[in-house]
Amino acid sequence: MRFVIEVTREVKKVVGENKSLLVRISATDWAEGGWDIESSIELAKELKLAGVDLIHVSSGGLIPHAKIPVAPNYQVEFATRIKNEAQIPTCAVGLITDANQANDIVARGDADLIALARAVLYNPRWVWSAAAELDGRVQASRQYWRCLPKEAAHIFESSSNAQR
């Protein structure tokens, strides 16, 4: 823990108080006797004291023999525990692929943000699809305004950036 805390303190000195500092951690290595959620909660508390504004919570992938129970939301509980027990905002990941699934995690307060990887690799316009599904709005450049199907055309809103 000392290494990441010392590095974080030095980074915070450089970025200053006016910029958010996020740290991504592996909440568990999924190995008996290894790094676990309790250790991650203590690390998150120390990182908060060092000036971190949000913990991006992932897990595993470090030990070849680890048995990771991959399923939708399988890492969200770690983000929730860190958020609640360390009293710091969190970002959740872990087979979050559906707009309603992501929305529900944030709406329940399980995490403050959602990060997507594979879902966006598969569908680079995932955010647009999610906005259409959840009746949301996104800002996009004017060149994109006519690309959506009729049933999703309402998701674009204009902005000073979008009108350039």
N, C-alpha and C. Protein backbone atom coordinates (compact mmCIF):
# COMPACT_ATOMS: atom_id res chain seq x y z
N MET A 1 0.82 -1.19 0.00
CA MET A 1 0.00 0.00 0.00
C MET A 1 0.86 1.26 0.00
N ARG A 2 1.99 1.17 0.67
CA ARG A 2 2.84 2.35 0.81
C ARG A 2 3.23 2.94 -0.54
N PHE A 3 3.57 2.08 -1.50
CA PHE A 3 4.01 2.57 -2.81
C PHE A 3 2.92 3.39 -3.49
N VAL A 4 1.72 2.84 -3.60
CA VAL A 4 0.65 3.56 -4.29
C VAL A 4 0.25 4.83 -3.53
N ILE A 5 0.30 4.80 -2.23
CA ILE A 5 -0.04 6.00 -1.45
C ILE A 5 1.01 7.09 -1.65
N GLU A 6 2.29 6.71 -1.61
CA GLU A 6 3.35 7.71 -1.81
C GLU A 6 3.29 8.29 -3.22
N VAL A 7 3.08 7.44 -4.21
CA VAL A 7 2.97 7.93 -5.59
C VAL A 7 1.76 8.86 -5.72
N THR A 8 0.65 8.47 -5.12
CA THR A 8 -0.57 9.29 -5.18
C THR A 8 -0.33 10.66 -4.56
N ARG A 9 0.33 10.72 -3.44
CA ARG A 9 0.61 12.02 -2.80
C ARG A 9 1.43 12.92 -3.71
N GLU A 10 2.43 12.33 -4.37
CA GLU A 10 3.27 13.11 -5.29
C GLU A 10 2.48 13.56 -6.52
N VAL A 11 1.65 12.69 -7.05
CA VAL A 11 0.82 13.06 -8.21
C VAL A 11 -0.13 14.18 -7.81
N LYS A 12 -0.73 14.09 -6.65
CA LYS A 12 -1.68 15.13 -6.19
C LYS A 12 -0.98 16.47 -6.08
N LYS A 13 0.28 16.48 -5.65
CA LYS A 13 1.03 17.73 -5.58
C LYS A 13 1.15 18.36 -6.97
N VAL A 14 1.35 17.52 -7.97
CA VAL A 14 1.54 18.01 -9.34
C VAL A 14 0.21 18.46 -9.96
N VAL A 15 -0.84 17.67 -9.82
CA VAL A 15 -2.12 18.02 -10.45
C VAL A 15 -2.87 19.09 -9.68
N GLY A 16 -2.61 19.22 -8.40
CA GLY A 16 -3.24 20.25 -7.60
C GLY A 16 -4.62 19.88 -7.10
N GLU A 17 -5.18 20.78 -6.34
CA GLU A 17 -6.49 20.55 -5.72
C GLU A 17 -7.65 20.78 -6.67
N ASN A 18 -7.42 21.47 -7.76
CA ASN A 18 -8.52 21.81 -8.68
C ASN A 18 -8.80 20.75 -9.73
N LYS A 19 -8.06 19.68 -9.72
CA LYS A 19 -8.29 18.60 -10.68
C LYS A 19 -8.59 17.32 -9.92
N SER A 20 -9.51 16.55 -10.47
CA SER A 20 -9.87 15.28 -9.85
C SER A 20 -8.78 14.26 -10.06
N LEU A 21 -8.57 13.44 -9.05
CA LEU A 21 -7.59 12.37 -9.13
C LEU A 21 -8.32 11.04 -8.90
N LEU A 22 -8.21 10.16 -9.87
CA LEU A 22 -8.83 8.84 -9.81
C LEU A 22 -7.74 7.79 -9.74
N VAL A 23 -7.99 6.74 -8.99
CA VAL A 23 -7.06 5.62 -8.91
C VAL A 23 -7.83 4.34 -9.19
N ARG A 24 -7.30 3.53 -10.08
CA ARG A 24 -7.90 2.24 -10.37
C ARG A 24 -7.19 1.18 -9.54
N ILE A 25 -7.98 0.38 -8.86
CA ILE A 25 -7.38 -0.68 -8.05
C ILE A 25 -8.01 -2.02 -8.41
N SER A 26 -7.30 -3.06 -8.06
CA SER A 26 -7.83 -4.41 -8.15
C SER A 26 -8.30 -4.78 -6.74
N ALA A 27 -9.62 -4.88 -6.56
CA ALA A 27 -10.20 -5.08 -5.23
C ALA A 27 -9.83 -6.42 -4.61
N THR A 28 -9.58 -7.40 -5.45
CA THR A 28 -9.15 -8.72 -4.98
C THR A 28 -8.37 -9.39 -6.09
N ASP A 29 -7.47 -10.26 -5.71
CA ASP A 29 -6.78 -11.04 -6.75
C ASP A 29 -7.39 -12.43 -6.89
N TRP A 30 -8.48 -12.66 -6.15
CA TRP A 30 -9.24 -13.91 -6.22
C TRP A 30 -8.39 -15.12 -5.81
N ALA A 31 -7.41 -14.90 -4.96
CA ALA A 31 -6.55 -16.00 -4.51
C ALA A 31 -6.60 -16.09 -2.98
N GLU A 32 -6.74 -17.27 -2.48
CA GLU A 32 -6.77 -17.49 -1.04
C GLU A 32 -5.49 -16.97 -0.41
N GLY A 33 -5.66 -16.14 0.63
CA GLY A 33 -4.51 -15.57 1.32
C GLY A 33 -3.90 -14.38 0.60
N GLY A 34 -4.49 -13.96 -0.51
CA GLY A 34 -3.95 -12.84 -1.28
C GLY A 34 -4.64 -11.53 -0.95
N TRP A 35 -4.53 -10.60 -1.87
CA TRP A 35 -5.16 -9.29 -1.72
C TRP A 35 -6.67 -9.48 -1.72
N ASP A 36 -7.38 -8.78 -0.82
CA ASP A 36 -8.82 -8.98 -0.72
C ASP A 36 -9.55 -7.66 -0.56
N ILE A 37 -10.86 -7.72 -0.51
CA ILE A 37 -11.69 -6.53 -0.43
C ILE A 37 -11.43 -5.74 0.85
N GLU A 38 -11.18 -6.42 1.95
CA GLU A 38 -10.91 -5.69 3.19
C GLU A 38 -9.64 -4.85 3.06
N SER A 39 -8.62 -5.42 2.41
CA SER A 39 -7.38 -4.67 2.17
C SER A 39 -7.66 -3.48 1.25
N SER A 40 -8.52 -3.69 0.25
CA SER A 40 -8.85 -2.62 -0.69
C SER A 40 -9.62 -1.49 -0.01
N ILE A 41 -10.47 -1.83 0.93
CA ILE A 41 -11.21 -0.79 1.67
C ILE A 41 -10.23 0.06 2.47
N GLU A 42 -9.28 -0.58 3.13
CA GLU A 42 -8.27 0.17 3.89
C GLU A 42 -7.42 1.03 2.96
N LEU A 43 -7.04 0.49 1.80
CA LEU A 43 -6.28 1.26 0.82
C LEU A 43 -7.09 2.46 0.35
N ALA A 44 -8.37 2.27 0.07
CA ALA A 44 -9.22 3.36 -0.39
C ALA A 44 -9.31 4.47 0.65
N LYS A 45 -9.39 4.11 1.92
CA LYS A 45 -9.42 5.11 2.99
C LYS A 45 -8.15 5.95 2.98
N GLU A 46 -7.02 5.29 2.82
CA GLU A 46 -5.74 6.00 2.79
C GLU A 46 -5.60 6.85 1.53
N LEU A 47 -6.09 6.33 0.40
CA LEU A 47 -6.03 7.10 -0.84
C LEU A 47 -6.91 8.34 -0.76
N LYS A 48 -8.03 8.22 -0.10
CA LYS A 48 -8.89 9.39 0.11
C LYS A 48 -8.15 10.46 0.91
N LEU A 49 -7.46 10.04 1.95
CA LEU A 49 -6.67 10.99 2.75
C LEU A 49 -5.55 11.62 1.93
N ALA A 50 -5.06 10.89 0.93
CA ALA A 50 -3.98 11.39 0.07
C ALA A 50 -4.49 12.29 -1.05
N GLY A 51 -5.81 12.49 -1.12
CA GLY A 51 -6.36 13.40 -2.10
C GLY A 51 -7.06 12.78 -3.29
N VAL A 52 -7.27 11.47 -3.25
CA VAL A 52 -7.98 10.81 -4.34
C VAL A 52 -9.47 11.14 -4.24
N ASP A 53 -10.07 11.38 -5.41
CA ASP A 53 -11.48 11.76 -5.45
C ASP A 53 -12.41 10.60 -5.80
N LEU A 54 -11.88 9.55 -6.44
CA LEU A 54 -12.71 8.43 -6.87
C LEU A 54 -11.83 7.20 -7.03
N ILE A 55 -12.37 6.05 -6.63
CA ILE A 55 -11.67 4.77 -6.81
C ILE A 55 -12.37 4.01 -7.93
N HIS A 56 -11.62 3.66 -8.95
CA HIS A 56 -12.12 2.86 -10.07
C HIS A 56 -11.81 1.41 -9.70
N VAL A 57 -12.86 0.63 -9.46
CA VAL A 57 -12.71 -0.69 -8.86
C VAL A 57 -12.83 -1.80 -9.89
N SER A 58 -11.75 -2.54 -10.05
CA SER A 58 -11.72 -3.73 -10.90
C SER A 58 -11.26 -4.89 -10.01
N SER A 59 -10.87 -6.00 -10.65
CA SER A 59 -10.32 -7.10 -9.85
C SER A 59 -9.65 -8.12 -10.74
N GLY A 60 -8.81 -8.91 -10.12
CA GLY A 60 -8.24 -10.09 -10.75
C GLY A 60 -7.36 -9.86 -11.95
N GLY A 61 -7.11 -10.96 -12.65
CA GLY A 61 -6.27 -10.92 -13.83
C GLY A 61 -4.79 -10.90 -13.53
N LEU A 62 -4.42 -11.10 -12.27
CA LEU A 62 -3.02 -11.01 -11.87
C LEU A 62 -2.37 -12.37 -11.63
N ILE A 63 -3.17 -13.34 -11.29
CA ILE A 63 -2.65 -14.65 -10.90
C ILE A 63 -3.25 -15.71 -11.81
N PRO A 64 -2.41 -16.49 -12.48
CA PRO A 64 -2.92 -17.46 -13.46
C PRO A 64 -3.91 -18.48 -12.89
N HIS A 65 -3.76 -18.91 -11.66
CA HIS A 65 -4.62 -19.96 -11.10
C HIS A 65 -5.88 -19.43 -10.43
N ALA A 66 -6.10 -18.12 -10.47
CA ALA A 66 -7.27 -17.54 -9.80
C ALA A 66 -8.55 -18.04 -10.45
N LYS A 67 -9.54 -18.29 -9.63
CA LYS A 67 -10.86 -18.71 -10.09
C LYS A 67 -11.80 -17.52 -9.95
N ILE A 68 -12.05 -16.85 -11.07
CA ILE A 68 -12.86 -15.63 -11.07
C ILE A 68 -14.28 -15.98 -11.49
N PRO A 69 -15.27 -15.69 -10.65
CA PRO A 69 -16.66 -16.02 -10.96
C PRO A 69 -17.29 -14.98 -11.90
N VAL A 70 -16.88 -15.01 -13.15
CA VAL A 70 -17.33 -14.02 -14.12
C VAL A 70 -18.82 -14.19 -14.41
N ALA A 71 -19.56 -13.10 -14.21
CA ALA A 71 -21.00 -13.04 -14.47
C ALA A 71 -21.36 -11.56 -14.51
N PRO A 72 -22.50 -11.19 -15.05
CA PRO A 72 -22.88 -9.79 -15.04
C PRO A 72 -22.78 -9.19 -13.63
N ASN A 73 -22.19 -8.02 -13.57
CA ASN A 73 -22.03 -7.26 -12.31
C ASN A 73 -21.08 -7.90 -11.31
N TYR A 74 -20.27 -8.84 -11.72
CA TYR A 74 -19.49 -9.61 -10.74
C TYR A 74 -18.50 -8.79 -9.92
N GLN A 75 -18.19 -7.57 -10.33
CA GLN A 75 -17.27 -6.73 -9.56
C GLN A 75 -17.97 -5.56 -8.88
N VAL A 76 -19.24 -5.38 -9.14
CA VAL A 76 -19.97 -4.22 -8.62
C VAL A 76 -19.99 -4.23 -7.09
N GLU A 77 -20.14 -5.39 -6.48
CA GLU A 77 -20.19 -5.44 -5.01
C GLU A 77 -18.92 -4.86 -4.38
N PHE A 78 -17.79 -4.99 -5.06
CA PHE A 78 -16.55 -4.42 -4.53
C PHE A 78 -16.63 -2.89 -4.54
N ALA A 79 -17.13 -2.32 -5.64
CA ALA A 79 -17.29 -0.86 -5.72
C ALA A 79 -18.24 -0.37 -4.65
N THR A 80 -19.31 -1.12 -4.41
CA THR A 80 -20.30 -0.74 -3.40
C THR A 80 -19.69 -0.75 -2.01
N ARG A 81 -18.97 -1.79 -1.69
CA ARG A 81 -18.37 -1.87 -0.34
C ARG A 81 -17.35 -0.76 -0.13
N ILE A 82 -16.52 -0.52 -1.14
CA ILE A 82 -15.51 0.54 -1.01
C ILE A 82 -16.20 1.89 -0.86
N LYS A 83 -17.23 2.14 -1.66
CA LYS A 83 -17.97 3.41 -1.58
C LYS A 83 -18.54 3.59 -0.17
N ASN A 84 -19.19 2.58 0.33
CA ASN A 84 -19.87 2.69 1.63
C ASN A 84 -18.91 2.67 2.81
N GLU A 85 -17.91 1.82 2.77
CA GLU A 85 -17.05 1.66 3.93
C GLU A 85 -15.87 2.63 3.96
N ALA A 86 -15.40 3.06 2.79
CA ALA A 86 -14.32 4.04 2.76
C ALA A 86 -14.85 5.45 2.55
N GLN A 87 -16.16 5.56 2.29
CA GLN A 87 -16.80 6.86 2.10
C GLN A 87 -16.12 7.67 0.99
N ILE A 88 -15.98 7.03 -0.18
CA ILE A 88 -15.38 7.68 -1.34
C ILE A 88 -16.16 7.24 -2.58
N PRO A 89 -16.37 8.14 -3.53
CA PRO A 89 -17.06 7.75 -4.76
C PRO A 89 -16.31 6.64 -5.50
N THR A 90 -17.07 5.79 -6.19
CA THR A 90 -16.46 4.68 -6.93
C THR A 90 -16.99 4.59 -8.35
N CYS A 91 -16.19 3.91 -9.16
CA CYS A 91 -16.55 3.56 -10.53
C CYS A 91 -16.58 2.04 -10.59
N ALA A 92 -17.67 1.48 -11.12
CA ALA A 92 -17.84 0.03 -11.18
C ALA A 92 -17.61 -0.49 -12.60
N VAL A 93 -17.12 -1.72 -12.67
CA VAL A 93 -16.93 -2.44 -13.93
C VAL A 93 -17.33 -3.90 -13.70
N GLY A 94 -17.31 -4.68 -14.76
CA GLY A 94 -17.51 -6.12 -14.60
C GLY A 94 -18.70 -6.66 -15.34
N LEU A 95 -18.55 -6.89 -16.61
CA LEU A 95 -19.61 -7.40 -17.47
C LEU A 95 -20.87 -6.56 -17.38
N ILE A 96 -20.67 -5.27 -17.46
CA ILE A 96 -21.78 -4.33 -17.55
C ILE A 96 -21.94 -4.05 -19.03
N THR A 97 -23.02 -4.56 -19.62
CA THR A 97 -23.16 -4.49 -21.08
C THR A 97 -24.46 -3.86 -21.53
N ASP A 98 -25.38 -3.67 -20.63
CA ASP A 98 -26.73 -3.22 -20.97
C ASP A 98 -27.00 -1.86 -20.35
N ALA A 99 -27.71 -1.00 -21.07
CA ALA A 99 -27.99 0.35 -20.58
C ALA A 99 -28.78 0.33 -19.27
N ASN A 100 -29.81 -0.47 -19.18
CA ASN A 100 -30.59 -0.53 -17.95
C ASN A 100 -29.78 -1.09 -16.79
N GLN A 101 -28.93 -2.05 -17.08
CA GLN A 101 -28.05 -2.62 -16.07
C GLN A 101 -27.15 -1.51 -15.49
N ALA A 102 -26.51 -0.74 -16.36
CA ALA A 102 -25.63 0.34 -15.93
C ALA A 102 -26.42 1.40 -15.16
N ASN A 103 -27.55 1.78 -15.68
CA ASN A 103 -28.39 2.78 -15.04
C ASN A 103 -28.83 2.33 -13.65
N ASP A 104 -29.21 1.07 -13.51
CA ASP A 104 -29.66 0.55 -12.22
C ASP A 104 -28.55 0.59 -11.17
N ILE A 105 -27.33 0.28 -11.57
CA ILE A 105 -26.20 0.30 -10.62
C ILE A 105 -26.03 1.70 -10.02
N VAL A 106 -26.08 2.71 -10.88
CA VAL A 106 -25.92 4.08 -10.42
C VAL A 106 -27.17 4.53 -9.65
N ALA A 107 -28.35 4.19 -10.15
CA ALA A 107 -29.60 4.59 -9.49
C ALA A 107 -29.72 4.01 -8.08
N ARG A 108 -29.26 2.78 -7.90
CA ARG A 108 -29.29 2.15 -6.56
C ARG A 108 -28.24 2.74 -5.63
N GLY A 109 -27.25 3.45 -6.19
CA GLY A 109 -26.16 3.97 -5.36
C GLY A 109 -25.05 2.98 -5.15
N ASP A 110 -25.03 1.90 -5.94
CA ASP A 110 -23.97 0.89 -5.79
C ASP A 110 -22.62 1.45 -6.22
N ALA A 111 -22.62 2.39 -7.15
CA ALA A 111 -21.41 3.07 -7.62
C ALA A 111 -21.84 4.42 -8.16
N ASP A 112 -20.86 5.30 -8.35
CA ASP A 112 -21.16 6.65 -8.84
C ASP A 112 -20.97 6.77 -10.34
N LEU A 113 -20.14 5.92 -10.89
CA LEU A 113 -19.86 5.90 -12.32
C LEU A 113 -19.80 4.46 -12.79
N ILE A 114 -19.94 4.29 -14.09
CA ILE A 114 -19.78 2.98 -14.72
C ILE A 114 -18.70 3.12 -15.78
N ALA A 115 -17.82 2.16 -15.84
CA ALA A 115 -16.82 2.11 -16.92
C ALA A 115 -17.14 0.89 -17.78
N LEU A 116 -17.02 1.08 -19.06
CA LEU A 116 -17.31 0.01 -20.02
C LEU A 116 -16.07 -0.25 -20.85
N ALA A 117 -15.86 -1.48 -21.19
CA ALA A 117 -14.74 -1.82 -22.05
C ALA A 117 -15.23 -2.69 -23.20
N ARG A 118 -15.45 -3.95 -22.93
CA ARG A 118 -15.82 -4.88 -24.01
C ARG A 118 -17.10 -4.47 -24.73
N ALA A 119 -18.09 -3.95 -24.01
CA ALA A 119 -19.34 -3.54 -24.64
C ALA A 119 -19.10 -2.42 -25.66
N VAL A 120 -18.19 -1.51 -25.33
CA VAL A 120 -17.90 -0.40 -26.25
C VAL A 120 -16.96 -0.85 -27.37
N LEU A 121 -16.11 -1.81 -27.08
CA LEU A 121 -15.29 -2.37 -28.17
C LEU A 121 -16.19 -3.03 -29.22
N TYR A 122 -17.21 -3.72 -28.75
CA TYR A 122 -18.15 -4.38 -29.65
C TYR A 122 -19.02 -3.37 -30.38
N ASN A 123 -19.49 -2.36 -29.64
CA ASN A 123 -20.39 -1.36 -30.21
C ASN A 123 -19.87 0.03 -29.85
N PRO A 124 -19.05 0.64 -30.70
CA PRO A 124 -18.48 1.95 -30.39
C PRO A 124 -19.54 3.04 -30.16
N ARG A 125 -20.76 2.82 -30.60
CA ARG A 125 -21.84 3.78 -30.39
C ARG A 125 -22.76 3.34 -29.23
N TRP A 126 -22.20 2.57 -28.30
CA TRP A 126 -22.96 2.06 -27.17
C TRP A 126 -23.68 3.18 -26.43
N VAL A 127 -23.01 4.29 -26.23
CA VAL A 127 -23.60 5.40 -25.48
C VAL A 127 -24.83 5.93 -26.20
N TRP A 128 -24.78 6.01 -27.52
CA TRP A 128 -25.94 6.47 -28.27
C TRP A 128 -27.10 5.48 -28.11
N SER A 129 -26.79 4.20 -28.19
CA SER A 129 -27.84 3.19 -28.01
C SER A 129 -28.43 3.27 -26.62
N ALA A 130 -27.60 3.46 -25.63
CA ALA A 130 -28.08 3.58 -24.25
C ALA A 130 -28.95 4.81 -24.10
N ALA A 131 -28.55 5.91 -24.69
CA ALA A 131 -29.36 7.13 -24.61
C ALA A 131 -30.73 6.91 -25.24
N ALA A 132 -30.77 6.23 -26.38
CA ALA A 132 -32.05 5.95 -27.03
C ALA A 132 -32.91 5.05 -26.15
N GLU A 133 -32.31 4.05 -25.54
CA GLU A 133 -33.05 3.10 -24.70
C GLU A 133 -33.58 3.74 -23.43
N LEU A 134 -32.81 4.66 -22.86
CA LEU A 134 -33.17 5.27 -21.58
C LEU A 134 -33.80 6.66 -21.73
N ASP A 135 -34.10 7.03 -22.96
CA ASP A 135 -34.67 8.34 -23.27
C ASP A 135 -33.74 9.45 -22.80
N GLY A 136 -32.45 9.25 -23.02
CA GLY A 136 -31.45 10.24 -22.65
C GLY A 136 -31.08 11.13 -23.82
N ARG A 137 -30.13 12.01 -23.60
CA ARG A 137 -29.65 12.92 -24.62
C ARG A 137 -28.13 12.90 -24.63
N VAL A 138 -27.56 13.09 -25.81
CA VAL A 138 -26.11 13.20 -25.97
C VAL A 138 -25.81 14.38 -26.87
N GLN A 139 -24.63 14.94 -26.70
CA GLN A 139 -24.19 16.00 -27.59
C GLN A 139 -23.33 15.38 -28.68
N ALA A 140 -23.57 15.77 -29.90
CA ALA A 140 -22.81 15.25 -31.03
C ALA A 140 -22.65 16.34 -32.06
N SER A 141 -21.61 16.23 -32.84
CA SER A 141 -21.37 17.18 -33.92
C SER A 141 -22.51 17.12 -34.92
N ARG A 142 -22.78 18.23 -35.53
CA ARG A 142 -23.88 18.35 -36.48
C ARG A 142 -23.81 17.29 -37.58
N GLN A 143 -22.61 16.88 -37.96
CA GLN A 143 -22.47 15.87 -39.02
C GLN A 143 -23.18 14.57 -38.68
N TYR A 144 -23.38 14.30 -37.41
CA TYR A 144 -24.02 13.05 -36.99
C TYR A 144 -25.54 13.16 -36.87
N TRP A 145 -26.08 14.33 -36.89
CA TRP A 145 -27.48 14.53 -36.56
C TRP A 145 -28.43 13.73 -37.45
N ARG A 146 -28.05 13.47 -38.69
CA ARG A 146 -28.95 12.76 -39.61
C ARG A 146 -28.65 11.26 -39.69
N CYS A 147 -27.72 10.76 -38.89
CA CYS A 147 -27.32 9.35 -39.02
C CYS A 147 -28.20 8.38 -38.26
N LEU A 148 -28.94 8.86 -37.29
CA LEU A 148 -29.71 7.96 -36.44
C LEU A 148 -31.00 7.50 -37.11
N PRO A 149 -31.46 6.30 -36.75
CA PRO A 149 -32.78 5.90 -37.23
C PRO A 149 -33.84 6.80 -36.60
N LYS A 150 -34.98 6.88 -37.26
CA LYS A 150 -36.05 7.79 -36.84
C LYS A 150 -36.40 7.63 -35.36
N GLU A 151 -36.49 6.39 -34.87
CA GLU A 151 -36.90 6.17 -33.48
C GLU A 151 -35.87 6.63 -32.46
N ALA A 152 -34.63 6.91 -32.89
CA ALA A 152 -33.58 7.37 -31.97
C ALA A 152 -33.15 8.80 -32.25
N ALA A 153 -33.75 9.46 -33.21
CA ALA A 153 -33.32 10.79 -33.62
C ALA A 153 -33.39 11.82 -32.50
N HIS A 154 -34.20 11.58 -31.49
CA HIS A 154 -34.37 12.53 -30.39
C HIS A 154 -33.18 12.60 -29.43
N ILE A 155 -32.21 11.69 -29.53
CA ILE A 155 -31.14 11.66 -28.52
C ILE A 155 -30.13 12.78 -28.67
N PHE A 156 -30.01 13.37 -29.85
CA PHE A 156 -29.03 14.44 -30.03
C PHE A 156 -29.58 15.77 -29.58
N GLU A 157 -28.76 16.48 -28.82
CA GLU A 157 -29.11 17.84 -28.46
C GLU A 157 -28.01 18.75 -28.97
N SER A 158 -28.36 19.96 -29.27
CA SER A 158 -27.36 20.87 -29.81
C SER A 158 -26.60 21.50 -28.66
N SER A 159 -25.37 21.90 -28.96
CA SER A 159 -24.54 22.61 -28.01
C SER A 159 -23.61 23.49 -28.82
N SER A 160 -22.89 24.33 -28.17
CA SER A 160 -21.95 25.19 -28.92
C SER A 160 -20.90 24.33 -29.61
N ASN A 161 -20.48 23.24 -28.98
CA ASN A 161 -19.52 22.33 -29.63
C ASN A 161 -20.15 21.58 -30.79
N ALA A 162 -21.40 21.17 -30.64
CA ALA A 162 -22.06 20.35 -31.65
C ALA A 162 -22.35 21.16 -32.90
N GLN A 163 -22.47 22.48 -32.78
CA GLN A 163 -22.85 23.28 -33.95
C GLN A 163 -21.66 23.70 -34.79
N ARG A 164 -20.48 23.35 -34.42
CA ARG A 164 -19.30 23.72 -35.21
C ARG A 164 -19.17 22.89 -36.44
